[in-house]
Amino acid sequence: MAQEEFQRGLEIRRAVLGADYVDRSIAQADESMMAFQQMTTQWCWGNAWSRDGLERKTRSMLNLAMLTALTKPAELRDHFKKTTQRA
């Protein structure tokens, strides 16, 4: 089940952020960051982003709102940049 969620998450993550960006992030991850890459891809993208009920644009907007509220300018910039390039 975990591998299925990871693969589903990888597919969604690549579709939203771009395959080059995602593949580069995974390739550049050291051992400790690889665990984070796997967890994020499986849980966030493979579980949360794959649920029925919301379109990807709505999920993206909610993500932007959360990043703004959490004062995460780097993550906000990256998500905004990647999602607007893909729109």
C-alpha atoms as a PDB file:
ATOM      1  CA  MET A   1       0.000   0.000   0.000  1.00  0.00           C
ATOM      2  CA  ALA A   2       2.772   2.461   0.862  1.00  0.00           C
ATOM      3  CA  GLN A   3       4.517   1.868  -2.473  1.00  0.00           C
ATOM      4  CA  GLU A   4       1.225   2.430  -4.339  1.00  0.00           C
ATOM      5  CA  GLU A   5       0.679   5.712  -2.481  1.00  0.00           C
ATOM      6  CA  PHE A   6       4.249   6.774  -3.245  1.00  0.00           C
ATOM      7  CA  GLN A   7       3.870   6.026  -6.972  1.00  0.00           C
ATOM      8  CA  ARG A   8       0.498   7.799  -7.114  1.00  0.00           C
ATOM      9  CA  GLY A   9       2.009  10.733  -5.228  1.00  0.00           C
ATOM     10  CA  LEU A  10       5.006  10.883  -7.548  1.00  0.00           C
ATOM     11  CA  GLU A  11       2.695  11.013 -10.558  1.00  0.00           C
ATOM     12  CA  ILE A  12       0.583  13.823  -9.071  1.00  0.00           C
ATOM     13  CA  ARG A  13       3.596  15.745  -7.801  1.00  0.00           C
ATOM     14  CA  ARG A  14       5.208  15.631 -11.240  1.00  0.00           C
ATOM     15  CA  ALA A  15       1.961  16.760 -12.894  1.00  0.00           C
ATOM     16  CA  VAL A  16       1.560  19.724 -10.517  1.00  0.00           C
ATOM     17  CA  LEU A  17       5.175  20.856 -10.082  1.00  0.00           C
ATOM     18  CA  GLY A  18       6.840  19.498 -13.204  1.00  0.00           C
ATOM     19  CA  ALA A  19       8.828  16.309 -13.651  1.00  0.00           C
ATOM     20  CA  ASP A  20      12.197  18.081 -13.915  1.00  0.00           C
ATOM     21  CA  TYR A  21      11.720  19.897 -10.601  1.00  0.00           C
ATOM     22  CA  VAL A  22      10.505  16.786  -8.752  1.00  0.00           C
ATOM     23  CA  ASP A  23      13.125  14.454 -10.192  1.00  0.00           C
ATOM     24  CA  ARG A  24      15.886  16.955  -9.398  1.00  0.00           C
ATOM     25  CA  SER A  25      14.636  17.305  -5.804  1.00  0.00           C
ATOM     26  CA  ILE A  26      14.696  13.549  -5.336  1.00  0.00           C
ATOM     27  CA  ALA A  27      18.068  13.098  -7.070  1.00  0.00           C
ATOM     28  CA  GLN A  28      19.719  15.801  -4.930  1.00  0.00           C
ATOM     29  CA  ALA A  29      18.370  14.471  -1.629  1.00  0.00           C
ATOM     30  CA  ASP A  30      20.915  13.063   0.795  1.00  0.00           C
ATOM     31  CA  GLU A  31      20.024  10.148   3.074  1.00  0.00           C
ATOM     32  CA  SER A  32      18.153  12.197   5.672  1.00  0.00           C
ATOM     33  CA  MET A  33      16.321  14.304   3.075  1.00  0.00           C
ATOM     34  CA  MET A  34      15.352  11.200   1.104  1.00  0.00           C
ATOM     35  CA  ALA A  35      13.201  10.099   4.020  1.00  0.00           C
ATOM     36  CA  PHE A  36      11.465  13.486   3.870  1.00  0.00           C
ATOM     37  CA  GLN A  37      11.053  13.209   0.080  1.00  0.00           C
ATOM     38  CA  GLN A  38       9.485   9.769   0.451  1.00  0.00           C
ATOM     39  CA  MET A  39       7.183  10.849   3.286  1.00  0.00           C
ATOM     40  CA  THR A  40       6.053  14.007   1.497  1.00  0.00           C
ATOM     41  CA  THR A  41       5.464  12.221  -1.785  1.00  0.00           C
ATOM     42  CA  GLN A  42       3.568   9.347  -0.170  1.00  0.00           C
ATOM     43  CA  TRP A  43       1.507  11.152   2.465  1.00  0.00           C
ATOM     44  CA  CYS A  44       0.934  14.610   1.045  1.00  0.00           C
ATOM     45  CA  TRP A  45       0.793  13.924  -2.665  1.00  0.00           C
ATOM     46  CA  GLY A  46      -0.187  10.245  -2.733  1.00  0.00           C
ATOM     47  CA  ASN A  47      -2.758  10.411   0.020  1.00  0.00           C
ATOM     48  CA  ALA A  48      -4.077  13.955   0.425  1.00  0.00           C
ATOM     49  CA  TRP A  49      -3.761  15.232  -3.155  1.00  0.00           C
ATOM     50  CA  SER A  50      -5.262  12.038  -4.610  1.00  0.00           C
ATOM     51  CA  ARG A  51      -8.471  12.128  -2.566  1.00  0.00           C
ATOM     52  CA  ASP A  52     -11.753  12.750  -4.316  1.00  0.00           C
ATOM     53  CA  GLY A  53     -13.670  15.950  -3.683  1.00  0.00           C
ATOM     54  CA  LEU A  54     -11.411  18.827  -4.724  1.00  0.00           C
ATOM     55  CA  GLU A  55      -9.884  19.800  -8.036  1.00  0.00           C
ATOM     56  CA  ARG A  56      -6.122  20.256  -8.125  1.00  0.00           C
ATOM     57  CA  LYS A  57      -6.516  24.011  -8.650  1.00  0.00           C
ATOM     58  CA  THR A  58      -8.516  24.207  -5.410  1.00  0.00           C
ATOM     59  CA  ARG A  59      -5.942  22.132  -3.541  1.00  0.00           C
ATOM     60  CA  SER A  60      -3.210  24.377  -4.885  1.00  0.00           C
ATOM     61  CA  MET A  61      -5.071  27.518  -3.788  1.00  0.00           C
ATOM     62  CA  LEU A  62      -5.524  26.059  -0.293  1.00  0.00           C
ATOM     63  CA  ASN A  63      -1.833  25.186  -0.192  1.00  0.00           C
ATOM     64  CA  LEU A  64      -0.924  28.767  -1.145  1.00  0.00           C
ATOM     65  CA  ALA A  65      -3.221  30.084   1.591  1.00  0.00           C
ATOM     66  CA  MET A  66      -1.659  27.768   4.193  1.00  0.00           C
ATOM     67  CA  LEU A  67       1.885  28.689   3.177  1.00  0.00           C
ATOM     68  CA  THR A  68       0.956  32.361   3.438  1.00  0.00           C
ATOM     69  CA  ALA A  69      -0.600  31.887   6.882  1.00  0.00           C
ATOM     70  CA  LEU A  70       2.438  29.904   8.061  1.00  0.00           C
ATOM     71  CA  THR A  71       4.800  32.632   6.767  1.00  0.00           C
ATOM     72  CA  LYS A  72       6.726  30.281   4.462  1.00  0.00           C
ATOM     73  CA  PRO A  73       7.871  32.648   1.687  1.00  0.00           C
ATOM     74  CA  ALA A  74      10.310  30.252  -0.006  1.00  0.00           C
ATOM     75  CA  GLU A  75       7.768  27.442  -0.212  1.00  0.00           C
ATOM     76  CA  LEU A  76       5.061  29.903  -1.264  1.00  0.00           C
ATOM     77  CA  ARG A  77       7.259  31.259  -4.062  1.00  0.00           C
ATOM     78  CA  ASP A  78       8.196  27.773  -5.256  1.00  0.00           C
ATOM     79  CA  HIS A  79       4.625  26.470  -5.265  1.00  0.00           C
ATOM     80  CA  PHE A  80       3.267  29.601  -6.949  1.00  0.00           C
ATOM     81  CA  LYS A  81       6.022  29.619  -9.553  1.00  0.00           C
ATOM     82  CA  LYS A  82       5.693  25.943 -10.405  1.00  0.00           C
ATOM     83  CA  THR A  83       1.900  25.864 -10.506  1.00  0.00           C
ATOM     84  CA  THR A  84       1.566  29.007 -12.628  1.00  0.00           C
ATOM     85  CA  GLN A  85       4.125  27.670 -15.105  1.00  0.00           C
ATOM     86  CA  ARG A  86       2.037  24.498 -15.442  1.00  0.00           C
ATOM     87  CA  ALA A  87      -1.355  26.229 -15.735  1.00  0.00           C
END
